Structure formats: C-alpha cells, structure tokens
Amino acid sequence: MLRTDLPEIITETLPGPKAQAIIDRREANVFILLLLKKGKEL
C-alpha cells in the first residue's frame, strides 16, 4: 500500500532548485520581519 511504502521512497533532491529558491526567499523574509518586530519592541 502506498501509505506504508512512502517512508521507504527516497529521492535524490527534495525540493527542486526552484522550490528551494522560494523557500529560501520566504525564510529570509520571515527573518527580516522578526528583526523589524524585535526593533519595534525595544
């Protein structure tokens, strides 16, 4: 059954380069927002 086989399915790269770029941009934006929020609290 696919549900039980999923943990055994291994791929070389996850996510792909385009998806990784989106994740990296999103992560950077969250970091910047956290720094701005922290600055307002001071």
Protein backbone atom coordinates (compact mmCIF):
# COMPACT_ATOMS: atom_id res chain seq x y z
CA MET A 1 0.00 0.00 0.00
CA LEU A 2 1.29 3.45 -0.87
CA ARG A 3 0.78 4.80 2.65
CA THR A 4 3.12 2.20 4.13
CA ASP A 5 5.62 2.46 1.26
CA LEU A 6 6.02 6.25 1.42
CA PRO A 7 8.65 6.26 4.20
CA GLU A 8 10.79 3.99 2.02
CA ILE A 9 10.61 6.19 -1.09
CA ILE A 10 13.84 8.17 -1.28
CA THR A 11 14.62 10.88 -3.81
CA GLU A 12 17.96 12.47 -4.57
CA THR A 13 16.98 16.10 -4.09
CA LEU A 14 13.93 17.50 -2.43
CA PRO A 15 12.80 20.14 -3.09
CA GLY A 16 13.93 21.09 -6.59
CA PRO A 17 16.05 24.19 -7.22
CA LYS A 18 13.09 26.47 -8.00
CA ALA A 19 11.19 25.35 -4.91
CA GLN A 20 14.33 25.74 -2.79
CA ALA A 21 14.73 29.31 -4.03
CA ILE A 22 11.16 30.09 -2.97
CA ILE A 23 11.74 28.50 0.44
CA ASP A 24 14.96 30.49 0.88
CA ARG A 25 13.25 33.78 -0.01
CA ARG A 26 10.36 33.05 2.33
CA GLU A 27 12.78 32.16 5.13
CA ALA A 28 14.72 35.40 4.58
CA ASN A 29 11.51 37.44 4.65
CA VAL A 30 10.43 35.85 7.92
CA PHE A 31 13.84 36.61 9.41
CA ILE A 32 13.63 40.26 8.33
CA LEU A 33 10.10 40.59 9.73
CA LEU A 34 11.21 39.14 13.04
CA LEU A 35 14.09 41.61 13.23
CA LEU A 36 11.75 44.52 12.46
CA LYS A 37 9.27 43.34 15.06
CA LYS A 38 12.01 42.98 17.65
CA GLY A 39 13.22 46.51 16.85
CA LYS A 40 9.76 47.95 17.48
CA GLU A 41 9.57 46.27 20.88
CA LEU A 42 12.79 47.91 22.08
